[in-house]
């Protein structure tokens, strides 16, 4: 029997703090958030957020109080915008960094695109 193709979710909608549900009703748990400063040579350095989600079973669903304080940094919903990006309800773009299966667990890593796109250094106008 052929293995099912591994495709990232099309939509992720926050269900409770620390959990998202995709279009196939699969549950995704936020397992890590990484905040990093943008490169110091950029004209307008910003902060980048990288989020790692694992697809988990319903038995794993429980309130994660340590995620209440970070929820403002994550959009309520993410919609796949292209093969390599998502757009959030917060009007930010999120880059699909990686999507893979390790054992029985599907992993999804997204990185928020920084404000660098709007900086004068990236402008195409004279």
PDB file of N, CA and C in Angstrom:
ATOM      1  N   UNK A   1       0.848  -1.179   0.000  1.00  0.00           N
ATOM      2  CA  UNK A   1       0.000   0.000   0.000  1.00  0.00           C
ATOM      3  C   UNK A   1       0.891   1.238   0.000  1.00  0.00           C
ATOM      4  N   UNK A   2       0.573   2.214  -0.840  1.00  0.00           N
ATOM      5  CA  UNK A   2       1.378   3.430  -0.947  1.00  0.00           C
ATOM      6  C   UNK A   2       1.157   4.316   0.268  1.00  0.00           C
ATOM      7  N   UNK A   3       2.214   4.999   0.671  1.00  0.00           N
ATOM      8  CA  UNK A   3       2.119   5.926   1.804  1.00  0.00           C
ATOM      9  C   UNK A   3       1.312   7.149   1.393  1.00  0.00           C
ATOM     10  N   UNK A   4       0.515   7.658   2.311  1.00  0.00           N
ATOM     11  CA  UNK A   4      -0.261   8.866   2.043  1.00  0.00           C
ATOM     12  C   UNK A   4       0.690  10.036   1.888  1.00  0.00           C
ATOM     13  N   UNK A   5       0.370  10.920   0.935  1.00  0.00           N
ATOM     14  CA  UNK A   5       1.250  12.072   0.742  1.00  0.00           C
ATOM     15  C   UNK A   5       1.126  13.009   1.937  1.00  0.00           C
ATOM     16  N   UNK A   6       2.219  13.619   2.251  1.00  0.00           N
ATOM     17  CA  UNK A   6       2.285  14.501   3.411  1.00  0.00           C
ATOM     18  C   UNK A   6       2.128  15.938   2.937  1.00  0.00           C
ATOM     19  N   UNK A   7       0.973  16.512   3.170  1.00  0.00           N
ATOM     20  CA  UNK A   7       0.701  17.888   2.768  1.00  0.00           C
ATOM     21  C   UNK A   7       0.428  18.726   4.007  1.00  0.00           C
ATOM     22  N   UNK A   8       0.955  19.960   4.037  1.00  0.00           N
ATOM     23  CA  UNK A   8       0.669  20.822   5.189  1.00  0.00           C
ATOM     24  C   UNK A   8      -0.799  21.235   5.198  1.00  0.00           C
ATOM     25  N   UNK A   9      -1.312  21.602   6.355  1.00  0.00           N
ATOM     26  CA  UNK A   9      -2.711  22.025   6.431  1.00  0.00           C
ATOM     27  C   UNK A   9      -2.970  23.259   5.571  1.00  0.00           C
ATOM     28  N   UNK A  10      -4.208  23.380   5.102  1.00  0.00           N
ATOM     29  CA  UNK A  10      -4.619  24.557   4.329  1.00  0.00           C
ATOM     30  C   UNK A  10      -5.032  25.667   5.281  1.00  0.00           C
ATOM     31  N   UNK A  11      -5.761  25.322   6.323  1.00  0.00           N
ATOM     32  CA  UNK A  11      -6.161  26.304   7.334  1.00  0.00           C
ATOM     33  C   UNK A  11      -5.867  25.749   8.724  1.00  0.00           C
ATOM     34  N   UNK A  12      -5.534  26.659   9.610  1.00  0.00           N
ATOM     35  CA  UNK A  12      -5.365  26.341  11.028  1.00  0.00           C
ATOM     36  C   UNK A  12      -6.159  27.381  11.801  1.00  0.00           C
ATOM     37  N   UNK A  13      -7.107  26.933  12.607  1.00  0.00           N
ATOM     38  CA  UNK A  13      -7.955  27.834  13.381  1.00  0.00           C
ATOM     39  C   UNK A  13      -7.757  27.538  14.858  1.00  0.00           C
ATOM     40  N   UNK A  14      -7.462  28.598  15.646  1.00  0.00           N
ATOM     41  CA  UNK A  14      -7.245  28.402  17.079  1.00  0.00           C
ATOM     42  C   UNK A  14      -8.523  27.904  17.730  1.00  0.00           C
ATOM     43  N   UNK A  15      -8.372  26.856  18.494  1.00  0.00           N
ATOM     44  CA  UNK A  15      -9.516  26.279  19.189  1.00  0.00           C
ATOM     45  C   UNK A  15      -9.517  26.695  20.657  1.00  0.00           C
ATOM     46  N   UNK A  16      -8.431  26.450  21.337  1.00  0.00           N
ATOM     47  CA  UNK A  16      -8.203  26.921  22.699  1.00  0.00           C
ATOM     48  C   UNK A  16      -6.738  27.331  22.751  1.00  0.00           C
ATOM     49  N   UNK A  17      -6.326  28.084  23.773  1.00  0.00           N
ATOM     50  CA  UNK A  17      -4.922  28.506  23.826  1.00  0.00           C
ATOM     51  C   UNK A  17      -3.960  27.325  23.687  1.00  0.00           C
ATOM     52  N   UNK A  18      -3.066  27.443  22.705  1.00  0.00           N
ATOM     53  CA  UNK A  18      -2.057  26.421  22.473  1.00  0.00           C
ATOM     54  C   UNK A  18      -2.456  25.355  21.473  1.00  0.00           C
ATOM     55  N   UNK A  19      -3.688  25.438  20.928  1.00  0.00           N
ATOM     56  CA  UNK A  19      -4.157  24.416  19.992  1.00  0.00           C
ATOM     57  C   UNK A  19      -4.834  25.038  18.778  1.00  0.00           C
ATOM     58  N   UNK A  20      -4.570  24.450  17.625  1.00  0.00           N
ATOM     59  CA  UNK A  20      -5.226  24.820  16.376  1.00  0.00           C
ATOM     60  C   UNK A  20      -5.881  23.571  15.791  1.00  0.00           C
ATOM     61  N   UNK A  21      -6.911  23.795  14.975  1.00  0.00           N
ATOM     62  CA  UNK A  21      -7.556  22.689  14.275  1.00  0.00           C
ATOM     63  C   UNK A  21      -7.486  22.994  12.783  1.00  0.00           C
ATOM     64  N   UNK A  22      -7.139  21.954  11.976  1.00  0.00           N
ATOM     65  CA  UNK A  22      -7.035  22.169  10.532  1.00  0.00           C
ATOM     66  C   UNK A  22      -8.351  21.845   9.830  1.00  0.00           C
ATOM     67  N   UNK A  23      -8.348  21.986   8.517  1.00  0.00           N
ATOM     68  CA  UNK A  23      -9.556  21.791   7.708  1.00  0.00           C
ATOM     69  C   UNK A  23     -10.059  20.345   7.743  1.00  0.00           C
ATOM     70  N   UNK A  24      -9.213  19.419   8.139  1.00  0.00           N
ATOM     71  CA  UNK A  24      -9.609  18.011   8.257  1.00  0.00           C
ATOM     72  C   UNK A  24      -9.951  17.629   9.698  1.00  0.00           C
ATOM     73  N   UNK A  25     -10.121  18.632  10.554  1.00  0.00           N
ATOM     74  CA  UNK A  25     -10.474  18.467  11.970  1.00  0.00           C
ATOM     75  C   UNK A  25      -9.361  17.837  12.792  1.00  0.00           C
ATOM     76  N   UNK A  26      -8.131  17.840  12.257  1.00  0.00           N
ATOM     77  CA  UNK A  26      -6.999  17.323  13.027  1.00  0.00           C
ATOM     78  C   UNK A  26      -6.538  18.401  14.000  1.00  0.00           C
ATOM     79  N   UNK A  27      -6.096  17.979  15.162  1.00  0.00           N
ATOM     80  CA  UNK A  27      -5.672  18.879  16.224  1.00  0.00           C
ATOM     81  C   UNK A  27      -4.158  19.092  16.158  1.00  0.00           C
ATOM     82  N   UNK A  28      -3.725  20.360  16.247  1.00  0.00           N
ATOM     83  CA  UNK A  28      -2.310  20.730  16.228  1.00  0.00           C
ATOM     84  C   UNK A  28      -1.989  21.464  17.523  1.00  0.00           C
ATOM     85  N   UNK A  29      -0.961  21.018  18.222  1.00  0.00           N
ATOM     86  CA  UNK A  29      -0.562  21.624  19.491  1.00  0.00           C
ATOM     87  C   UNK A  29       0.695  22.471  19.280  1.00  0.00           C
ATOM     88  N   UNK A  30       0.689  23.689  19.830  1.00  0.00           N
ATOM     89  CA  UNK A  30       1.885  24.533  19.821  1.00  0.00           C
ATOM     90  C   UNK A  30       2.855  23.929  20.832  1.00  0.00           C
ATOM     91  N   UNK A  31       4.022  23.505  20.360  1.00  0.00           N
ATOM     92  CA  UNK A  31       4.993  22.892  21.272  1.00  0.00           C
ATOM     93  C   UNK A  31       6.161  23.815  21.570  1.00  0.00           C
ATOM     94  N   UNK A  32       6.396  24.813  20.711  1.00  0.00           N
ATOM     95  CA  UNK A  32       7.450  25.776  21.035  1.00  0.00           C
ATOM     96  C   UNK A  32       7.242  27.070  20.274  1.00  0.00           C
ATOM     97  N   UNK A  33       7.691  28.135  20.898  1.00  0.00           N
ATOM     98  CA  UNK A  33       7.732  29.460  20.286  1.00  0.00           C
ATOM     99  C   UNK A  33       9.129  29.993  20.490  1.00  0.00           C
ATOM    100  N   UNK A  34       9.720  30.506  19.433  1.00  0.00           N
ATOM    101  CA  UNK A  34      11.063  31.052  19.516  1.00  0.00           C
ATOM    102  C   UNK A  34      11.020  32.491  19.029  1.00  0.00           C
ATOM    103  N   UNK A  35      11.402  33.417  19.892  1.00  0.00           N
ATOM    104  CA  UNK A  35      11.472  34.830  19.537  1.00  0.00           C
ATOM    105  C   UNK A  35      12.935  35.172  19.306  1.00  0.00           C
ATOM    106  N   UNK A  36      13.259  35.733  18.137  1.00  0.00           N
ATOM    107  CA  UNK A  36      14.637  36.120  17.844  1.00  0.00           C
ATOM    108  C   UNK A  36      14.662  37.516  17.255  1.00  0.00           C
ATOM    109  N   UNK A  37      15.752  38.213  17.498  1.00  0.00           N
ATOM    110  CA  UNK A  37      15.936  39.531  16.891  1.00  0.00           C
ATOM    111  C   UNK A  37      16.295  39.349  15.433  1.00  0.00           C
ATOM    112  N   UNK A  38      15.879  40.300  14.632  1.00  0.00           N
ATOM    113  CA  UNK A  38      16.222  40.288  13.223  1.00  0.00           C
ATOM    114  C   UNK A  38      17.713  40.565  13.076  1.00  0.00           C
ATOM    115  N   UNK A  39      18.222  40.398  11.898  1.00  0.00           N
ATOM    116  CA  UNK A  39      19.648  40.613  11.636  1.00  0.00           C
ATOM    117  C   UNK A  39      20.030  42.056  11.971  1.00  0.00           C
ATOM    118  N   UNK A  40      21.135  42.288  12.686  1.00  0.00           N
ATOM    119  CA  UNK A  40      21.496  43.637  13.143  1.00  0.00           C
ATOM    120  C   UNK A  40      21.846  44.610  12.027  1.00  0.00           C
ATOM    121  N   UNK A  41      22.119  44.139  10.811  1.00  0.00           N
ATOM    122  CA  UNK A  41      22.473  45.067   9.734  1.00  0.00           C
ATOM    123  C   UNK A  41      21.265  45.591   8.978  1.00  0.00           C
ATOM    124  N   UNK A  42      20.074  45.086   9.275  1.00  0.00           N
ATOM    125  CA  UNK A  42      18.887  45.581   8.596  1.00  0.00           C
ATOM    126  C   UNK A  42      18.562  46.998   9.061  1.00  0.00           C
ATOM    127  N   UNK A  43      17.964  47.784   8.155  1.00  0.00           N
ATOM    128  CA  UNK A  43      17.611  49.163   8.484  1.00  0.00           C
ATOM    129  C   UNK A  43      16.603  49.250   9.622  1.00  0.00           C
ATOM    130  N   UNK A  44      15.649  48.347   9.633  1.00  0.00           N
ATOM    131  CA  UNK A  44      14.606  48.358  10.662  1.00  0.00           C
ATOM    132  C   UNK A  44      14.519  46.981  11.291  1.00  0.00           C
ATOM    133  N   UNK A  45      15.436  46.690  12.198  1.00  0.00           N
ATOM    134  CA  UNK A  45      15.379  45.359  12.796  1.00  0.00           C
ATOM    135  C   UNK A  45      14.068  45.134  13.530  1.00  0.00           C
ATOM    136  N   UNK A  46      13.606  43.925  13.481  1.00  0.00           N
ATOM    137  CA  UNK A  46      12.374  43.562  14.166  1.00  0.00           C
ATOM    138  C   UNK A  46      12.558  42.248  14.880  1.00  0.00           C
ATOM    139  N   UNK A  47      11.476  41.726  15.345  1.00  0.00           N
ATOM    140  CA  UNK A  47      11.521  40.456  16.039  1.00  0.00           C
ATOM    141  C   UNK A  47      10.850  39.407  15.175  1.00  0.00           C
ATOM    142  N   UNK A  48      11.464  38.263  15.099  1.00  0.00           N
ATOM    143  CA  UNK A  48      10.911  37.146  14.352  1.00  0.00           C
ATOM    144  C   UNK A  48      10.338  36.141  15.350  1.00  0.00           C
ATOM    145  N   UNK A  49       9.241  35.520  14.968  1.00  0.00           N
ATOM    146  CA  UNK A  49       8.630  34.488  15.796  1.00  0.00           C
ATOM    147  C   UNK A  49       8.597  33.204  14.988  1.00  0.00           C
ATOM    148  N   UNK A  50       9.119  32.140  15.565  1.00  0.00           N
ATOM    149  CA  UNK A  50       9.031  30.829  14.936  1.00  0.00           C
ATOM    150  C   UNK A  50       8.188  29.939  15.846  1.00  0.00           C
ATOM    151  N   UNK A  51       7.180  29.310  15.264  1.00  0.00           N
ATOM    152  CA  UNK A  51       6.282  28.451  16.032  1.00  0.00           C
ATOM    153  C   UNK A  51       6.368  27.026  15.489  1.00  0.00           C
ATOM    154  N   UNK A  52       6.436  26.076  16.397  1.00  0.00           N
ATOM    155  CA  UNK A  52       6.436  24.660  16.029  1.00  0.00           C
ATOM    156  C   UNK A  52       5.145  24.034  16.536  1.00  0.00           C
ATOM    157  N   UNK A  53       4.449  23.364  15.634  1.00  0.00           N
ATOM    158  CA  UNK A  53       3.205  22.677  15.979  1.00  0.00           C
ATOM    159  C   UNK A  53       3.354  21.193  15.684  1.00  0.00           C
ATOM    160  N   UNK A  54       2.726  20.379  16.526  1.00  0.00           N
ATOM    161  CA  UNK A  54       2.673  18.935  16.309  1.00  0.00           C
ATOM    162  C   UNK A  54       1.222  18.542  16.147  1.00  0.00           C
ATOM    163  N   UNK A  55       0.954  17.659  15.207  1.00  0.00           N
ATOM    164  CA  UNK A  55      -0.390  17.124  15.051  1.00  0.00           C
ATOM    165  C   UNK A  55      -0.562  16.037  16.108  1.00  0.00           C
ATOM    166  N   UNK A  56      -1.567  16.210  16.963  1.00  0.00           N
ATOM    167  CA  UNK A  56      -1.762  15.307  18.102  1.00  0.00           C
ATOM    168  C   UNK A  56      -3.192  14.765  18.110  1.00  0.00           C
ATOM    169  N   UNK A  57      -3.407  13.725  18.888  1.00  0.00           N
ATOM    170  CA  UNK A  57      -4.740  13.157  19.053  1.00  0.00           C
ATOM    171  C   UNK A  57      -5.547  13.943  20.071  1.00  0.00           C
ATOM    172  N   UNK A  58      -6.831  13.698  20.081  1.00  0.00           N
ATOM    173  CA  UNK A  58      -7.732  14.391  21.008  1.00  0.00           C
ATOM    174  C   UNK A  58      -7.367  14.141  22.464  1.00  0.00           C
ATOM    175  N   UNK A  59      -6.751  13.000  22.748  1.00  0.00           N
ATOM    176  CA  UNK A  59      -6.408  12.679  24.137  1.00  0.00           C
ATOM    177  C   UNK A  59      -5.387  13.660  24.710  1.00  0.00           C
ATOM    178  N   UNK A  60      -4.668  14.346  23.845  1.00  0.00           N
ATOM    179  CA  UNK A  60      -3.630  15.281  24.301  1.00  0.00           C
ATOM    180  C   UNK A  60      -4.181  16.668  24.592  1.00  0.00           C
ATOM    181  N   UNK A  61      -5.442  16.913  24.229  1.00  0.00           N
ATOM    182  CA  UNK A  61      -6.015  18.254  24.342  1.00  0.00           C
ATOM    183  C   UNK A  61      -6.292  18.601  25.798  1.00  0.00           C
ATOM    184  N   UNK A  62      -5.572  19.594  26.286  1.00  0.00           N
ATOM    185  CA  UNK A  62      -5.784  20.112  27.633  1.00  0.00           C
ATOM    186  C   UNK A  62      -5.358  21.573  27.637  1.00  0.00           C
ATOM    187  N   UNK A  63      -5.907  22.340  28.545  1.00  0.00           N
ATOM    188  CA  UNK A  63      -5.521  23.747  28.628  1.00  0.00           C
ATOM    189  C   UNK A  63      -4.054  23.853  29.018  1.00  0.00           C
ATOM    190  N   UNK A  64      -3.352  24.702  28.296  1.00  0.00           N
ATOM    191  CA  UNK A  64      -1.935  24.925  28.559  1.00  0.00           C
ATOM    192  C   UNK A  64      -1.771  26.353  29.065  1.00  0.00           C
ATOM    193  N   UNK A  65      -1.852  26.579  30.379  1.00  0.00           N
ATOM    194  CA  UNK A  65      -1.840  27.937  30.919  1.00  0.00           C
ATOM    195  C   UNK A  65      -0.605  28.740  30.528  1.00  0.00           C
ATOM    196  N   UNK A  66       0.522  28.075  30.288  1.00  0.00           N
ATOM    197  CA  UNK A  66       1.732  28.816  29.924  1.00  0.00           C
ATOM    198  C   UNK A  66       1.610  29.447  28.538  1.00  0.00           C
ATOM    199  N   UNK A  67       0.572  29.105  27.758  1.00  0.00           N
ATOM    200  CA  UNK A  67       0.393  29.712  26.445  1.00  0.00           C
ATOM    201  C   UNK A  67      -0.538  30.924  26.477  1.00  0.00           C
ATOM    202  N   UNK A  68      -1.219  31.190  27.596  1.00  0.00           N
ATOM    203  CA  UNK A  68      -2.123  32.335  27.654  1.00  0.00           C
ATOM    204  C   UNK A  68      -1.396  33.641  27.362  1.00  0.00           C
ATOM    205  N   UNK A  69      -0.193  33.803  27.872  1.00  0.00           N
ATOM    206  CA  UNK A  69       0.530  35.065  27.699  1.00  0.00           C
ATOM    207  C   UNK A  69       1.073  35.257  26.289  1.00  0.00           C
ATOM    208  N   UNK A  70       1.227  34.196  25.514  1.00  0.00           N
ATOM    209  CA  UNK A  70       1.789  34.340  24.173  1.00  0.00           C
ATOM    210  C   UNK A  70       0.717  34.367  23.086  1.00  0.00           C
ATOM    211  N   UNK A  71      -0.526  34.116  23.432  1.00  0.00           N
ATOM    212  CA  UNK A  71      -1.575  34.074  22.422  1.00  0.00           C
ATOM    213  C   UNK A  71      -1.693  35.354  21.605  1.00  0.00           C
ATOM    214  N   UNK A  72      -1.449  36.536  22.185  1.00  0.00           N
ATOM    215  CA  UNK A  72      -1.527  37.737  21.351  1.00  0.00           C
ATOM    216  C   UNK A  72      -0.517  37.741  20.197  1.00  0.00           C
ATOM    217  N   UNK A  73       0.537  36.948  20.282  1.00  0.00           N
ATOM    218  CA  UNK A  73       1.547  36.912  19.227  1.00  0.00           C
ATOM    219  C   UNK A  73       1.174  35.982  18.082  1.00  0.00           C
ATOM    220  N   UNK A  74       0.203  35.126  18.296  1.00  0.00           N
ATOM    221  CA  UNK A  74      -0.197  34.164  17.275  1.00  0.00           C
ATOM    222  C   UNK A  74      -1.574  34.525  16.739  1.00  0.00           C
ATOM    223  N   UNK A  75      -1.766  34.423  15.420  1.00  0.00           N
ATOM    224  CA  UNK A  75      -3.069  34.778  14.848  1.00  0.00           C
ATOM    225  C   UNK A  75      -4.150  33.766  15.226  1.00  0.00           C
ATOM    226  N   UNK A  76      -5.376  34.222  15.190  1.00  0.00           N
ATOM    227  CA  UNK A  76      -6.508  33.335  15.486  1.00  0.00           C
ATOM    228  C   UNK A  76      -6.649  32.272  14.397  1.00  0.00           C
ATOM    229  N   UNK A  77      -6.304  32.648  13.165  1.00  0.00           N
ATOM    230  CA  UNK A  77      -6.409  31.703  12.057  1.00  0.00           C
ATOM    231  C   UNK A  77      -5.271  31.928  11.078  1.00  0.00           C
ATOM    232  N   UNK A  78      -4.789  30.850  10.488  1.00  0.00           N
ATOM    233  CA  UNK A  78      -3.776  30.886   9.434  1.00  0.00           C
ATOM    234  C   UNK A  78      -4.355  30.197   8.205  1.00  0.00           C
ATOM    235  N   UNK A  79      -4.204  30.833   7.061  1.00  0.00           N
ATOM    236  CA  UNK A  79      -4.705  30.294   5.795  1.00  0.00           C
ATOM    237  C   UNK A  79      -3.522  30.159   4.849  1.00  0.00           C
ATOM    238  N   UNK A  80      -3.366  28.980   4.235  1.00  0.00           N
ATOM    239  CA  UNK A  80      -2.247  28.814   3.312  1.00  0.00           C
ATOM    240  C   UNK A  80      -2.430  29.759   2.138  1.00  0.00           C
ATOM    241  N   UNK A  81      -1.422  30.585   1.917  1.00  0.00           N
ATOM    242  CA  UNK A  81      -1.440  31.622   0.891  1.00  0.00           C
ATOM    243  C   UNK A  81      -0.785  31.116  -0.388  1.00  0.00           C
ATOM    244  N   UNK A  82       0.257  30.326  -0.234  1.00  0.00           N
ATOM    245  CA  UNK A  82       0.974  29.737  -1.364  1.00  0.00           C
ATOM    246  C   UNK A  82       1.603  28.441  -0.880  1.00  0.00           C
ATOM    247  N   UNK A  83       2.409  27.835  -1.720  1.00  0.00           N
ATOM    248  CA  UNK A  83       3.061  26.582  -1.345  1.00  0.00           C
ATOM    249  C   UNK A  83       3.948  26.771  -0.117  1.00  0.00           C
ATOM    250  N   UNK A  84       4.549  27.960   0.018  1.00  0.00           N
ATOM    251  CA  UNK A  84       5.522  28.189   1.081  1.00  0.00           C
ATOM    252  C   UNK A  84       5.117  29.247   2.094  1.00  0.00           C
ATOM    253  N   UNK A  85       3.851  29.676   2.107  1.00  0.00           N
ATOM    254  CA  UNK A  85       3.490  30.723   3.064  1.00  0.00           C
ATOM    255  C   UNK A  85       2.029  30.627   3.498  1.00  0.00           C
ATOM    256  N   UNK A  86       1.774  31.237   4.648  1.00  0.00           N
ATOM    257  CA  UNK A  86       0.439  31.354   5.220  1.00  0.00           C
ATOM    258  C   UNK A  86       0.181  32.828   5.491  1.00  0.00           C
ATOM    259  N   UNK A  87      -1.079  33.238   5.445  1.00  0.00           N
ATOM    260  CA  UNK A  87      -1.454  34.579   5.888  1.00  0.00           C
ATOM    261  C   UNK A  87      -2.307  34.410   7.142  1.00  0.00           C
ATOM    262  N   UNK A  88      -2.041  35.277   8.113  1.00  0.00           N
ATOM    263  CA  UNK A  88      -2.763  35.208   9.372  1.00  0.00           C
ATOM    264  C   UNK A  88      -3.869  36.231   9.430  1.00  0.00           C
ATOM    265  N   UNK A  89      -4.819  36.032  10.329  1.00  0.00           N
ATOM    266  CA  UNK A  89      -5.883  37.010  10.521  1.00  0.00           C
ATOM    267  C   UNK A  89      -5.330  38.304  11.105  1.00  0.00           C
ATOM    268  N   UNK A  90      -4.061  38.290  11.520  1.00  0.00           N
ATOM    269  CA  UNK A  90      -3.398  39.494  12.014  1.00  0.00           C
ATOM    270  C   UNK A  90      -2.725  40.262  10.879  1.00  0.00           C
ATOM    271  N   UNK A  91      -3.003  39.890   9.622  1.00  0.00           N
ATOM    272  CA  UNK A  91      -2.455  40.521   8.413  1.00  0.00           C
ATOM    273  C   UNK A  91      -0.962  40.292   8.226  1.00  0.00           C
ATOM    274  N   UNK A  92      -0.384  39.396   8.966  1.00  0.00           N
ATOM    275  CA  UNK A  92       1.034  39.073   8.795  1.00  0.00           C
ATOM    276  C   UNK A  92       1.177  37.815   7.947  1.00  0.00           C
ATOM    277  N   UNK A  93       2.322  37.738   7.289  1.00  0.00           N
ATOM    278  CA  UNK A  93       2.647  36.556   6.501  1.00  0.00           C
ATOM    279  C   UNK A  93       3.539  35.641   7.330  1.00  0.00           C
ATOM    280  N   UNK A  94       3.329  34.357   7.183  1.00  0.00           N
ATOM    281  CA  UNK A  94       4.089  33.335   7.893  1.00  0.00           C
ATOM    282  C   UNK A  94       4.706  32.401   6.869  1.00  0.00           C
ATOM    283  N   UNK A  95       6.011  32.225   6.942  1.00  0.00           N
ATOM    284  CA  UNK A  95       6.736  31.362   6.014  1.00  0.00           C
ATOM    285  C   UNK A  95       6.677  29.918   6.512  1.00  0.00           C
ATOM    286  N   UNK A  96       6.399  28.998   5.597  1.00  0.00           N
ATOM    287  CA  UNK A  96       6.445  27.573   5.922  1.00  0.00           C
ATOM    288  C   UNK A  96       7.912  27.151   5.906  1.00  0.00           C
ATOM    289  N   UNK A  97       8.482  26.959   7.085  1.00  0.00           N
ATOM    290  CA  UNK A  97       9.898  26.612   7.219  1.00  0.00           C
ATOM    291  C   UNK A  97      10.105  25.122   6.986  1.00  0.00           C
ATOM    292  N   UNK A  98       9.229  24.303   7.568  1.00  0.00           N
ATOM    293  CA  UNK A  98       9.382  22.864   7.426  1.00  0.00           C
ATOM    294  C   UNK A  98       8.070  22.167   7.755  1.00  0.00           C
ATOM    295  N   UNK A  99       7.851  21.054   7.114  1.00  0.00           N
ATOM    296  CA  UNK A  99       6.695  20.203   7.386  1.00  0.00           C
ATOM    297  C   UNK A  99       7.145  18.771   7.139  1.00  0.00           C
ATOM    298  N   UNK A 100       7.086  17.948   8.168  1.00  0.00           N
ATOM    299  CA  UNK A 100       7.590  16.581   8.038  1.00  0.00           C
ATOM    300  C   UNK A 100       6.921  15.677   9.070  1.00  0.00           C
ATOM    301  N   UNK A 101       7.108  14.394   8.879  1.00  0.00           N
ATOM    302  CA  UNK A 101       6.613  13.401   9.833  1.00  0.00           C
ATOM    303  C   UNK A 101       7.821  12.732  10.466  1.00  0.00           C
ATOM    304  N   UNK A 102       7.804  12.641  11.779  1.00  0.00           N
ATOM    305  CA  UNK A 102       8.846  11.946  12.530  1.00  0.00           C
ATOM    306  C   UNK A 102       8.143  10.880  13.361  1.00  0.00           C
ATOM    307  N   UNK A 103       8.311   9.635  12.980  1.00  0.00           N
ATOM    308  CA  UNK A 103       7.557   8.566  13.623  1.00  0.00           C
ATOM    309  C   UNK A 103       6.087   8.721  13.280  1.00  0.00           C
ATOM    310  N   UNK A 104       5.251   8.788  14.294  1.00  0.00           N
ATOM    311  CA  UNK A 104       3.812   8.964  14.084  1.00  0.00           C
ATOM    312  C   UNK A 104       3.370  10.419  14.193  1.00  0.00           C
ATOM    313  N   UNK A 105       4.309  11.332  14.424  1.00  0.00           N
ATOM    314  CA  UNK A 105       3.951  12.727  14.678  1.00  0.00           C
ATOM    315  C   UNK A 105       4.297  13.614  13.492  1.00  0.00           C
ATOM    316  N   UNK A 106       3.300  14.371  13.050  1.00  0.00           N
ATOM    317  CA  UNK A 106       3.498  15.336  11.976  1.00  0.00           C
ATOM    318  C   UNK A 106       3.931  16.656  12.608  1.00  0.00           C
ATOM    319  N   UNK A 107       4.946  17.290  12.046  1.00  0.00           N
ATOM    320  CA  UNK A 107       5.496  18.539  12.567  1.00  0.00           C
ATOM    321  C   UNK A 107       5.297  19.646  11.534  1.00  0.00           C
ATOM    322  N   UNK A 108       5.003  20.847  12.018  1.00  0.00           N
ATOM    323  CA  UNK A 108       4.844  22.014  11.161  1.00  0.00           C
ATOM    324  C   UNK A 108       5.586  23.165  11.819  1.00  0.00           C
ATOM    325  N   UNK A 109       6.494  23.790  11.076  1.00  0.00           N
ATOM    326  CA  UNK A 109       7.262  24.916  11.609  1.00  0.00           C
ATOM    327  C   UNK A 109       6.996  26.129  10.725  1.00  0.00           C
ATOM    328  N   UNK A 110       6.513  27.199  11.352  1.00  0.00           N
ATOM    329  CA  UNK A 110       6.198  28.446  10.657  1.00  0.00           C
ATOM    330  C   UNK A 110       6.997  29.580  11.265  1.00  0.00           C
ATOM    331  N   UNK A 111       7.382  30.535  10.425  1.00  0.00           N
ATOM    332  CA  UNK A 111       8.103  31.711  10.908  1.00  0.00           C
ATOM    333  C   UNK A 111       7.400  32.966  10.419  1.00  0.00           C
ATOM    334  N   UNK A 112       7.111  33.864  11.356  1.00  0.00           N
ATOM    335  CA  UNK A 112       6.476  35.124  11.001  1.00  0.00           C
ATOM    336  C   UNK A 112       7.464  35.977  10.230  1.00  0.00           C
ATOM    337  N   UNK A 113       7.022  36.494   9.092  1.00  0.00           N
ATOM    338  CA  UNK A 113       7.879  37.384   8.328  1.00  0.00           C
ATOM    339  C   UNK A 113       7.924  38.727   9.034  1.00  0.00           C
ATOM    340  N   UNK A 114       9.127  39.293   9.131  1.00  0.00           N
ATOM    341  CA  UNK A 114       9.309  40.545   9.859  1.00  0.00           C
ATOM    342  C   UNK A 114       8.892  41.733   9.016  1.00  0.00           C
ATOM    343  N   UNK A 115       8.946  42.892   9.627  1.00  0.00           N
ATOM    344  CA  UNK A 115       8.582  44.135   8.958  1.00  0.00           C
ATOM    345  C   UNK A 115       9.621  44.569   7.934  1.00  0.00           C
ATOM    346  N   UNK A 116      10.679  43.798   7.766  1.00  0.00           N
ATOM    347  CA  UNK A 116      11.749  44.157   6.842  1.00  0.00           C
ATOM    348  C   UNK A 116      11.225  44.387   5.436  1.00  0.00           C
ATOM    349  N   UNK A 117      10.173  43.685   5.046  1.00  0.00           N
ATOM    350  CA  UNK A 117       9.614  43.812   3.710  1.00  0.00           C
ATOM    351  C   UNK A 117       9.237  45.254   3.418  1.00  0.00           C
ATOM    352  N   UNK A 118       8.820  45.995   4.429  1.00  0.00           N
ATOM    353  CA  UNK A 118       8.395  47.382   4.245  1.00  0.00           C
ATOM    354  C   UNK A 118       9.513  48.392   4.482  1.00  0.00           C
ATOM    355  N   UNK A 119      10.716  47.942   4.715  1.00  0.00           N
ATOM    356  CA  UNK A 119      11.800  48.869   5.016  1.00  0.00           C
ATOM    357  C   UNK A 119      12.321  49.524   3.743  1.00  0.00           C
ATOM    358  N   UNK A 120      12.919  50.723   3.855  1.00  0.00           N
ATOM    359  CA  UNK A 120      13.473  51.409   2.692  1.00  0.00           C
ATOM    360  C   UNK A 120      14.518  50.571   1.963  1.00  0.00           C
ATOM    361  N   UNK A 121      15.232  49.719   2.656  1.00  0.00           N
ATOM    362  CA  UNK A 121      16.275  48.912   2.023  1.00  0.00           C
ATOM    363  C   UNK A 121      15.691  47.910   1.035  1.00  0.00           C
ATOM    364  N   UNK A 122      14.417  47.554   1.205  1.00  0.00           N
ATOM    365  CA  UNK A 122      13.793  46.568   0.324  1.00  0.00           C
ATOM    366  C   UNK A 122      12.887  47.213  -0.712  1.00  0.00           C
ATOM    367  N   UNK A 123      12.848  48.511  -0.741  1.00  0.00           N
ATOM    368  CA  UNK A 123      11.982  49.211  -1.672  1.00  0.00           C
ATOM    369  C   UNK A 123      12.513  49.079  -3.092  1.00  0.00           C
ATOM    370  N   UNK A 124      11.586  48.916  -4.059  1.00  0.00           N
ATOM    371  CA  UNK A 124      11.995  48.823  -5.460  1.00  0.00           C
ATOM    372  C   UNK A 124      11.825  50.152  -6.171  1.00  0.00           C
ATOM    373  N   UNK A 125      11.329  51.151  -5.475  1.00  0.00           N
ATOM    374  CA  UNK A 125      11.149  52.463  -6.087  1.00  0.00           C
ATOM    375  C   UNK A 125      12.420  53.274  -5.940  1.00  0.00           C
ATOM    376  N   UNK A 126      12.698  54.172  -6.949  1.00  0.00           N
ATOM    377  CA  UNK A 126      13.919  55.001  -6.850  1.00  0.00           C
ATOM    378  C   UNK A 126      13.851  55.994  -5.719  1.00  0.00           C
TER     379      UNK A 126
END
